[in-house]
Amino acid sequence: MPKESLLAACVVAAICTGPASLAWGKDMAPDPEKHSSAAIQVSINGSDDIRYAAAWTVTAESGEQEQFETSGEAPAVHMYRGVAISGTVTVLSPTGRLEVEILKNGNRSRSSTQGGGSVVRMTVR
């Protein structure tokens, strides 16, 4: 996907679902020819005003791993470039439900949790 198309998709996602962040690491920089199937989208949804903290490890095609930390309120969409992602999302609010969805290469992985301090752990390759 061309960088401009991905950016346009992120803008639409941000308008429709809330804040978005883009993470492009050294070798994970967008290169349409090299990384056409390497886009990873992480969507975080849940109860109204639920707060979260997330820590991700993204693996590039070269095998290099890069760490990312994000926090905020749901809904949120985060975009990464790589061939795999692994991490945790922790509920910071005292109550509420949190849902995490990862989209990669047309495949969707979902997990959810409920209650303050609860954690979702996910790995997608």
Foldseek 3Di string as FASTA:
>chain_A
DDPVVVVVVQVVCCVVWNEEEEDADDLQHDDCVPQVQFKKKKWKAWDPFWKKKKKKWAAAPVRDIDIDIDIDGPGYMYMTGHDKMWIKMFTQDQWIKMKMWMDGNNDIDIDIDIGHGDMDIDMDD
